[in-house]
Amino acid sequence: MEEKKRCAWCEKDDLYRKYHDEEWGVPVYEDQKLFEFLILETFQAGLSWYTILKKRENFKLAFDNFDYIKVASYSEDKIQELLQDAGIIRNQLKIRAAVSNAISFMKIQGEFGSFSSYIWKFTDGKPIHNSWQSMKDVPATTPISDEISKDLKKRGFKFVGSTVVYAHMQATGMVDDHVGNCWKKQ
């Protein structure tokens, strides 16, 4: 049986291949899942996605299954508890940002009906299908990620630079950046 050809970045191990094959680039429209990726991507800022992926289950437990309503109401005691949790990235600024981002997330829901309606409006509600031949062709940012980043920051979000936003767009299928020879592109 012939081995599947994949985007080169995911060939590190089975965890990465499973994420690539089952999630990366698959359109996500559910607010809960969009919030999960937002939390994970903001914690990833300055680190490797692999580091975050290995700790994903720990993040899920620490952040109440990425329930943005619960996260938005975290007390100082809960924040201090998270700062002691060796299973996650114990960055105080990122932990506090998760709480304030949950609050901002819900404000967007109030304004647009859902976070999904808000974020997907930047791509007219459908994925952008790119035609990259290799991973070196894939940009770290785009004019759309620049625009989303600027708008999120204006709405009070933190750790949402254009690179983080573009990674979020890739993870949630707003863009399909699977390269030409990848089985997912076929």
C-alpha atoms as a PDB file:
ATOM      1  CA  MET A   1       0.000   0.000   0.000  1.00  0.00           C
ATOM      2  CA  GLU A   2       1.359   3.382  -1.000  1.00  0.00           C
ATOM      3  CA  GLU A   3       1.998   5.882   1.789  1.00  0.00           C
ATOM      4  CA  LYS A   4      -0.139   9.045   1.661  1.00  0.00           C
ATOM      5  CA  LYS A   5       1.738  12.145   0.562  1.00  0.00           C
ATOM      6  CA  ARG A   6       1.265  14.952   3.058  1.00  0.00           C
ATOM      7  CA  CYS A   7       2.376  18.512   3.643  1.00  0.00           C
ATOM      8  CA  ALA A   8       5.988  18.219   4.825  1.00  0.00           C
ATOM      9  CA  TRP A   9       5.436  20.002   8.160  1.00  0.00           C
ATOM     10  CA  CYS A  10       3.352  17.167   9.603  1.00  0.00           C
ATOM     11  CA  GLU A  11       5.696  14.239   9.080  1.00  0.00           C
ATOM     12  CA  LYS A  12       7.231  14.492  12.576  1.00  0.00           C
ATOM     13  CA  ASP A  13       5.026  11.773  14.120  1.00  0.00           C
ATOM     14  CA  ASP A  14       1.546  10.237  14.237  1.00  0.00           C
ATOM     15  CA  LEU A  15       0.109  13.037  16.408  1.00  0.00           C
ATOM     16  CA  TYR A  16       1.037  15.601  13.760  1.00  0.00           C
ATOM     17  CA  ARG A  17      -0.126  13.387  10.861  1.00  0.00           C
ATOM     18  CA  LYS A  18      -3.499  12.785  12.563  1.00  0.00           C
ATOM     19  CA  TYR A  19      -3.977  16.524  13.128  1.00  0.00           C
ATOM     20  CA  HIS A  20      -3.049  17.231   9.491  1.00  0.00           C
ATOM     21  CA  ASP A  21      -5.286  14.482   8.110  1.00  0.00           C
ATOM     22  CA  GLU A  22      -8.343  15.110  10.281  1.00  0.00           C
ATOM     23  CA  GLU A  23      -8.370  18.779  11.275  1.00  0.00           C
ATOM     24  CA  TRP A  24      -5.958  21.191   9.591  1.00  0.00           C
ATOM     25  CA  GLY A  25      -7.745  23.050   6.818  1.00  0.00           C
ATOM     26  CA  VAL A  26     -11.173  21.575   7.576  1.00  0.00           C
ATOM     27  CA  PRO A  27     -13.756  24.386   7.799  1.00  0.00           C
ATOM     28  CA  VAL A  28     -14.943  25.025  11.372  1.00  0.00           C
ATOM     29  CA  TYR A  29     -18.144  26.992  11.924  1.00  0.00           C
ATOM     30  CA  GLU A  30     -18.949  26.089  15.553  1.00  0.00           C
ATOM     31  CA  ASP A  31     -18.131  28.843  18.042  1.00  0.00           C
ATOM     32  CA  GLN A  32     -16.879  26.415  20.707  1.00  0.00           C
ATOM     33  CA  LYS A  33     -14.318  24.902  18.310  1.00  0.00           C
ATOM     34  CA  LEU A  34     -13.322  28.328  16.955  1.00  0.00           C
ATOM     35  CA  PHE A  35     -12.680  29.438  20.534  1.00  0.00           C
ATOM     36  CA  GLU A  36     -10.603  26.319  21.198  1.00  0.00           C
ATOM     37  CA  PHE A  37      -8.354  27.082  18.242  1.00  0.00           C
ATOM     38  CA  LEU A  38      -8.183  30.737  19.234  1.00  0.00           C
ATOM     39  CA  ILE A  39      -6.958  29.784  22.715  1.00  0.00           C
ATOM     40  CA  LEU A  40      -4.467  27.260  21.355  1.00  0.00           C
ATOM     41  CA  GLU A  41      -3.138  29.610  18.678  1.00  0.00           C
ATOM     42  CA  THR A  42      -2.670  32.475  21.126  1.00  0.00           C
ATOM     43  CA  PHE A  43      -0.719  30.203  23.466  1.00  0.00           C
ATOM     44  CA  GLN A  44       1.327  29.057  20.475  1.00  0.00           C
ATOM     45  CA  ALA A  45       2.596  32.601  19.773  1.00  0.00           C
ATOM     46  CA  GLY A  46       6.394  32.356  19.886  1.00  0.00           C
ATOM     47  CA  LEU A  47       6.348  28.559  20.252  1.00  0.00           C
ATOM     48  CA  SER A  48       5.886  25.609  17.916  1.00  0.00           C
ATOM     49  CA  TRP A  49       2.428  24.303  17.083  1.00  0.00           C
ATOM     50  CA  TYR A  50       3.739  20.841  17.929  1.00  0.00           C
ATOM     51  CA  THR A  51       4.374  21.958  21.531  1.00  0.00           C
ATOM     52  CA  ILE A  52       0.763  23.103  21.806  1.00  0.00           C
ATOM     53  CA  LEU A  53      -0.641  20.027  20.094  1.00  0.00           C
ATOM     54  CA  LYS A  54       1.155  17.754  22.586  1.00  0.00           C
ATOM     55  CA  LYS A  55      -0.427  19.742  25.444  1.00  0.00           C
ATOM     56  CA  ARG A  56      -3.860  20.070  23.840  1.00  0.00           C
ATOM     57  CA  GLU A  57      -5.624  17.644  26.192  1.00  0.00           C
ATOM     58  CA  ASN A  58      -4.073  19.420  29.186  1.00  0.00           C
ATOM     59  CA  PHE A  59      -5.338  22.754  27.851  1.00  0.00           C
ATOM     60  CA  LYS A  60      -8.766  21.212  27.355  1.00  0.00           C
ATOM     61  CA  LEU A  61      -8.875  20.143  31.009  1.00  0.00           C
ATOM     62  CA  ALA A  62      -7.355  23.363  32.349  1.00  0.00           C
ATOM     63  CA  PHE A  63      -9.718  25.604  30.364  1.00  0.00           C
ATOM     64  CA  ASP A  64     -12.965  23.740  31.085  1.00  0.00           C
ATOM     65  CA  ASN A  65     -13.229  22.117  27.662  1.00  0.00           C
ATOM     66  CA  PHE A  66     -12.724  25.561  26.081  1.00  0.00           C
ATOM     67  CA  ASP A  67     -16.065  26.770  27.415  1.00  0.00           C
ATOM     68  CA  TYR A  68     -15.703  30.501  26.704  1.00  0.00           C
ATOM     69  CA  ILE A  69     -18.505  31.391  29.151  1.00  0.00           C
ATOM     70  CA  LYS A  70     -16.602  29.713  31.997  1.00  0.00           C
ATOM     71  CA  VAL A  71     -13.234  31.085  30.849  1.00  0.00           C
ATOM     72  CA  ALA A  72     -14.658  34.627  30.721  1.00  0.00           C
ATOM     73  CA  SER A  73     -15.627  34.334  34.387  1.00  0.00           C
ATOM     74  CA  TYR A  74     -12.311  33.005  35.727  1.00  0.00           C
ATOM     75  CA  SER A  75     -11.383  34.501  39.067  1.00  0.00           C
ATOM     76  CA  GLU A  76      -7.922  35.527  40.212  1.00  0.00           C
ATOM     77  CA  ASP A  77      -7.776  32.237  42.157  1.00  0.00           C
ATOM     78  CA  LYS A  78      -8.412  30.277  38.949  1.00  0.00           C
ATOM     79  CA  ILE A  79      -5.744  32.287  37.125  1.00  0.00           C
ATOM     80  CA  GLN A  80      -3.260  31.503  39.905  1.00  0.00           C
ATOM     81  CA  GLU A  81      -4.226  27.824  39.684  1.00  0.00           C
ATOM     82  CA  LEU A  82      -3.538  27.875  35.921  1.00  0.00           C
ATOM     83  CA  LEU A  83      -0.151  29.480  36.547  1.00  0.00           C
ATOM     84  CA  GLN A  84       0.765  26.389  38.601  1.00  0.00           C
ATOM     85  CA  ASP A  85      -0.471  23.890  35.984  1.00  0.00           C
ATOM     86  CA  ALA A  86       2.634  22.248  34.483  1.00  0.00           C
ATOM     87  CA  GLY A  87       0.479  20.643  31.785  1.00  0.00           C
ATOM     88  CA  ILE A  88      -0.048  23.930  29.943  1.00  0.00           C
ATOM     89  CA  ILE A  89       2.085  26.920  28.961  1.00  0.00           C
ATOM     90  CA  ARG A  90       2.339  28.875  32.212  1.00  0.00           C
ATOM     91  CA  ASN A  91       2.634  32.322  30.706  1.00  0.00           C
ATOM     92  CA  GLN A  92       0.772  34.826  32.870  1.00  0.00           C
ATOM     93  CA  LEU A  93       0.104  37.255  30.008  1.00  0.00           C
ATOM     94  CA  LYS A  94      -1.307  34.483  27.805  1.00  0.00           C
ATOM     95  CA  ILE A  95      -3.458  33.064  30.608  1.00  0.00           C
ATOM     96  CA  ARG A  96      -4.885  36.500  31.378  1.00  0.00           C
ATOM     97  CA  ALA A  97      -5.360  37.075  27.630  1.00  0.00           C
ATOM     98  CA  ALA A  98      -7.402  33.861  27.412  1.00  0.00           C
ATOM     99  CA  VAL A  99      -9.813  35.300  29.982  1.00  0.00           C
ATOM    100  CA  SER A 100     -10.078  38.728  28.361  1.00  0.00           C
ATOM    101  CA  ASN A 101     -10.301  37.154  24.888  1.00  0.00           C
ATOM    102  CA  ALA A 102     -13.237  35.030  26.083  1.00  0.00           C
ATOM    103  CA  ILE A 103     -15.000  38.221  27.177  1.00  0.00           C
ATOM    104  CA  SER A 104     -14.268  39.880  23.820  1.00  0.00           C
ATOM    105  CA  PHE A 105     -15.369  36.677  22.040  1.00  0.00           C
ATOM    106  CA  MET A 106     -18.783  36.906  23.705  1.00  0.00           C
ATOM    107  CA  LYS A 107     -19.085  40.606  22.843  1.00  0.00           C
ATOM    108  CA  ILE A 108     -18.589  39.663  19.185  1.00  0.00           C
ATOM    109  CA  GLN A 109     -21.262  36.978  19.562  1.00  0.00           C
ATOM    110  CA  GLY A 110     -23.610  39.629  20.891  1.00  0.00           C
ATOM    111  CA  GLU A 111     -22.887  41.932  17.986  1.00  0.00           C
ATOM    112  CA  PHE A 112     -22.841  39.389  15.127  1.00  0.00           C
ATOM    113  CA  GLY A 113     -25.002  36.559  16.486  1.00  0.00           C
ATOM    114  CA  SER A 114     -21.996  34.230  16.599  1.00  0.00           C
ATOM    115  CA  PHE A 115     -18.232  34.448  16.450  1.00  0.00           C
ATOM    116  CA  SER A 116     -18.440  32.249  13.358  1.00  0.00           C
ATOM    117  CA  SER A 117     -20.555  34.852  11.523  1.00  0.00           C
ATOM    118  CA  TYR A 118     -18.010  37.501  12.442  1.00  0.00           C
ATOM    119  CA  ILE A 119     -14.814  35.656  11.509  1.00  0.00           C
ATOM    120  CA  TRP A 120     -16.098  34.010   8.334  1.00  0.00           C
ATOM    121  CA  LYS A 121     -17.335  37.340   6.918  1.00  0.00           C
ATOM    122  CA  PHE A 122     -13.697  38.114   6.143  1.00  0.00           C
ATOM    123  CA  THR A 123     -13.692  35.295   3.548  1.00  0.00           C
ATOM    124  CA  ASP A 124     -17.312  35.730   2.430  1.00  0.00           C
ATOM    125  CA  GLY A 125     -18.294  32.651   4.427  1.00  0.00           C
ATOM    126  CA  LYS A 126     -16.232  30.161   2.469  1.00  0.00           C
ATOM    127  CA  PRO A 127     -12.689  28.795   2.480  1.00  0.00           C
ATOM    128  CA  ILE A 128      -9.944  30.313   0.366  1.00  0.00           C
ATOM    129  CA  HIS A 129      -8.297  27.519  -1.640  1.00  0.00           C
ATOM    130  CA  ASN A 130      -4.653  28.303  -2.307  1.00  0.00           C
ATOM    131  CA  SER A 131      -2.478  26.476  -4.820  1.00  0.00           C
ATOM    132  CA  TRP A 132       0.922  26.293  -3.175  1.00  0.00           C
ATOM    133  CA  GLN A 133       3.411  23.810  -4.589  1.00  0.00           C
ATOM    134  CA  SER A 134       5.575  23.557  -1.463  1.00  0.00           C
ATOM    135  CA  MET A 135       5.467  24.721   2.142  1.00  0.00           C
ATOM    136  CA  LYS A 136       8.074  27.390   1.413  1.00  0.00           C
ATOM    137  CA  ASP A 137       5.453  29.094  -0.785  1.00  0.00           C
ATOM    138  CA  VAL A 138       2.928  29.354   2.070  1.00  0.00           C
ATOM    139  CA  PRO A 139       2.929  32.849   3.613  1.00  0.00           C
ATOM    140  CA  ALA A 140       2.971  33.538   7.336  1.00  0.00           C
ATOM    141  CA  THR A 141       0.468  36.388   6.919  1.00  0.00           C
ATOM    142  CA  THR A 142      -1.864  37.747   4.260  1.00  0.00           C
ATOM    143  CA  PRO A 143      -3.755  41.008   3.793  1.00  0.00           C
ATOM    144  CA  ILE A 144      -6.855  39.249   5.192  1.00  0.00           C
ATOM    145  CA  SER A 145      -5.029  38.038   8.322  1.00  0.00           C
ATOM    146  CA  ASP A 146      -3.673  41.583   8.726  1.00  0.00           C
ATOM    147  CA  GLU A 147      -7.229  42.937   8.552  1.00  0.00           C
ATOM    148  CA  ILE A 148      -8.649  40.374  11.002  1.00  0.00           C
ATOM    149  CA  SER A 149      -5.751  40.928  13.417  1.00  0.00           C
ATOM    150  CA  LYS A 150      -6.271  44.675  13.369  1.00  0.00           C
ATOM    151  CA  ASP A 151     -10.012  44.281  13.923  1.00  0.00           C
ATOM    152  CA  LEU A 152      -9.607  41.754  16.759  1.00  0.00           C
ATOM    153  CA  LYS A 153      -7.099  44.027  18.516  1.00  0.00           C
ATOM    154  CA  LYS A 154      -9.510  46.939  18.155  1.00  0.00           C
ATOM    155  CA  ARG A 155     -12.105  44.734  19.879  1.00  0.00           C
ATOM    156  CA  GLY A 156      -9.761  44.061  22.817  1.00  0.00           C
ATOM    157  CA  PHE A 157      -8.180  40.740  21.841  1.00  0.00           C
ATOM    158  CA  LYS A 158      -4.572  40.021  22.807  1.00  0.00           C
ATOM    159  CA  PHE A 159      -1.895  37.774  21.219  1.00  0.00           C
ATOM    160  CA  VAL A 160      -3.689  37.993  17.873  1.00  0.00           C
ATOM    161  CA  GLY A 161      -0.984  39.289  15.584  1.00  0.00           C
ATOM    162  CA  SER A 162      -1.343  38.587  11.890  1.00  0.00           C
ATOM    163  CA  THR A 163       0.797  35.410  12.062  1.00  0.00           C
ATOM    164  CA  VAL A 164      -1.346  33.970  14.871  1.00  0.00           C
ATOM    165  CA  VAL A 165      -4.503  34.920  12.971  1.00  0.00           C
ATOM    166  CA  TYR A 166      -3.244  33.290   9.768  1.00  0.00           C
ATOM    167  CA  ALA A 167      -2.409  30.097  11.687  1.00  0.00           C
ATOM    168  CA  HIS A 168      -5.964  30.218  13.101  1.00  0.00           C
ATOM    169  CA  MET A 169      -7.338  30.620   9.580  1.00  0.00           C
ATOM    170  CA  GLN A 170      -5.357  27.556   8.449  1.00  0.00           C
ATOM    171  CA  ALA A 171      -6.390  25.488  11.471  1.00  0.00           C
ATOM    172  CA  THR A 172     -10.087  26.311  11.062  1.00  0.00           C
ATOM    173  CA  GLY A 173     -10.196  25.878   7.300  1.00  0.00           C
ATOM    174  CA  MET A 174     -10.748  29.506   6.425  1.00  0.00           C
ATOM    175  CA  VAL A 175      -7.794  28.899   4.119  1.00  0.00           C
ATOM    176  CA  ASP A 176      -6.758  25.616   2.548  1.00  0.00           C
ATOM    177  CA  ASP A 177      -2.969  25.674   2.420  1.00  0.00           C
ATOM    178  CA  HIS A 178      -2.410  21.985   1.706  1.00  0.00           C
ATOM    179  CA  VAL A 179       0.299  21.857  -0.956  1.00  0.00           C
ATOM    180  CA  GLY A 180      -0.259  20.480  -4.445  1.00  0.00           C
ATOM    181  CA  ASN A 181       1.042  16.942  -3.884  1.00  0.00           C
ATOM    182  CA  CYS A 182      -0.751  16.465  -0.531  1.00  0.00           C
ATOM    183  CA  TRP A 183      -3.532  13.861  -0.531  1.00  0.00           C
ATOM    184  CA  LYS A 184      -5.817  16.420   1.181  1.00  0.00           C
ATOM    185  CA  LYS A 185      -5.508  18.711  -1.834  1.00  0.00           C
ATOM    186  CA  GLN A 186      -6.550  15.922  -4.146  1.00  0.00           C
END
